[in-house]
Amino acid sequence: MPKNVHGKCELCGRENVETTIHHLTPKEMGGTFKPTSSLCLPCHKQIHALYTNEELAARLNTIRLLREDEKINKFIKWIRKQPATRLIRTRKSRERK
């Protein structure tokens, strides 16, 4: 699968968005051959802005767990209302260690 394709984001559910491959367990934490998901660029960037790789590997390694997390859930509710063409600016969370 190419790096960037147009499709549906598995996290926010928006369709016809540019997607990238997200390793549910980061590669540096042993996730090279573990499951991946197809995420839109804003969702993918937001995940990595909010959470460290250690946190993603330990407690947020499925789409269901990501959706249930309070911080990313707020973002998902907001991004679903945005058009697929809108460019989103992402900033690293102050809470992130």
Protein backbone atom coordinates (compact mmCIF):
# COMPACT_ATOMS: atom_id res chain seq x y z
CA MET A 1 0.00 0.00 0.00
CA PRO A 2 1.42 3.45 -0.89
CA LYS A 3 2.36 5.79 1.91
CA ASN A 4 -0.36 8.38 1.16
CA VAL A 5 -3.64 7.36 -0.45
CA HIS A 6 -7.18 8.69 -0.43
CA GLY A 7 -9.61 6.63 1.61
CA LYS A 8 -11.44 6.45 4.92
CA CYS A 9 -9.78 7.23 8.27
CA GLU A 10 -10.22 4.33 10.67
CA LEU A 11 -10.15 6.67 13.69
CA CYS A 12 -12.46 9.57 12.82
CA GLY A 13 -14.40 7.88 10.01
CA ARG A 14 -14.06 10.74 7.51
CA GLU A 15 -14.05 9.58 3.88
CA ASN A 16 -12.05 10.67 0.84
CA VAL A 17 -9.17 11.97 2.99
CA GLU A 18 -5.45 11.52 2.47
CA THR A 19 -4.40 8.64 4.71
CA THR A 20 -1.14 7.27 6.07
CA ILE A 21 -0.21 4.02 7.77
CA HIS A 22 -0.11 4.22 11.57
CA HIS A 23 1.63 1.44 13.50
CA LEU A 24 -0.67 0.79 16.47
CA THR A 25 2.40 -0.31 18.42
CA PRO A 26 5.23 2.06 17.44
CA LYS A 27 8.00 0.44 15.40
CA GLU A 28 10.64 1.46 17.94
CA MET A 29 8.64 -0.40 20.60
CA GLY A 30 8.57 -3.64 18.60
CA GLY A 31 5.58 -2.92 16.37
CA THR A 32 7.22 -3.32 12.96
CA PHE A 33 5.24 -6.45 12.13
CA LYS A 34 2.23 -5.79 14.39
CA PRO A 35 -1.14 -4.40 13.22
CA THR A 36 -1.42 -1.05 11.47
CA SER A 37 -4.32 1.24 10.66
CA SER A 38 -5.08 3.76 7.96
CA LEU A 39 -5.46 7.25 9.46
CA CYS A 40 -6.01 10.69 7.98
CA LEU A 41 -3.08 13.06 8.38
CA PRO A 42 -4.71 15.24 11.09
CA CYS A 43 -5.60 12.21 13.27
CA HIS A 44 -2.15 10.68 12.82
CA LYS A 45 -0.39 13.93 13.72
CA GLN A 46 -2.68 14.53 16.69
CA ILE A 47 -2.00 11.08 18.14
CA HIS A 48 1.75 11.67 18.06
CA ALA A 49 1.35 15.20 19.42
CA LEU A 50 -0.64 13.98 22.43
CA TYR A 51 1.10 10.73 23.36
CA THR A 52 4.62 9.36 23.65
CA ASN A 53 5.53 6.14 21.86
CA GLU A 54 5.80 4.43 25.24
CA GLU A 55 2.24 5.46 26.10
CA LEU A 56 0.94 4.32 22.70
CA ALA A 57 2.62 0.92 23.06
CA ALA A 58 1.50 0.36 26.66
CA ARG A 59 -2.13 1.47 26.69
CA LEU A 60 -3.31 2.84 23.33
CA ASN A 61 -2.44 0.12 20.84
CA THR A 62 -5.85 -0.41 19.22
CA ILE A 63 -8.29 1.90 17.45
CA ARG A 64 -10.92 1.14 20.10
CA LEU A 65 -8.58 2.19 22.93
CA LEU A 66 -7.62 5.36 21.08
CA ARG A 67 -11.29 6.30 20.51
CA GLU A 68 -12.06 5.74 24.20
CA ASP A 69 -9.24 7.99 25.41
CA GLU A 70 -10.60 11.36 26.56
CA LYS A 71 -7.99 13.60 24.88
CA ILE A 72 -8.17 12.11 21.40
CA ASN A 73 -11.95 11.64 21.67
CA LYS A 74 -12.43 15.43 21.90
CA PHE A 75 -10.31 15.86 18.80
CA ILE A 76 -12.25 13.17 16.91
CA LYS A 77 -15.57 14.87 17.68
CA TRP A 78 -14.18 18.13 16.30
CA ILE A 79 -12.36 16.76 13.24
CA ARG A 80 -15.45 14.86 12.03
CA LYS A 81 -17.10 18.24 11.39
CA GLN A 82 -14.17 19.52 9.28
CA PRO A 83 -14.00 19.21 5.49
CA ALA A 84 -11.49 16.68 4.14
CA THR A 85 -9.57 19.44 2.38
CA ARG A 86 -8.92 21.56 5.48
CA LEU A 87 -5.31 21.71 6.66
CA ILE A 88 -5.01 21.30 10.41
CA ARG A 89 -2.21 22.75 12.52
CA THR A 90 -0.96 20.40 15.23
CA ARG A 91 0.96 21.35 18.37
CA LYS A 92 2.65 19.04 20.83
CA SER A 93 0.70 18.72 24.08
CA ARG A 94 2.18 20.40 27.17
CA GLU A 95 1.13 17.32 29.17
CA ARG A 96 3.23 15.03 27.01
CA LYS A 97 6.37 13.95 28.80
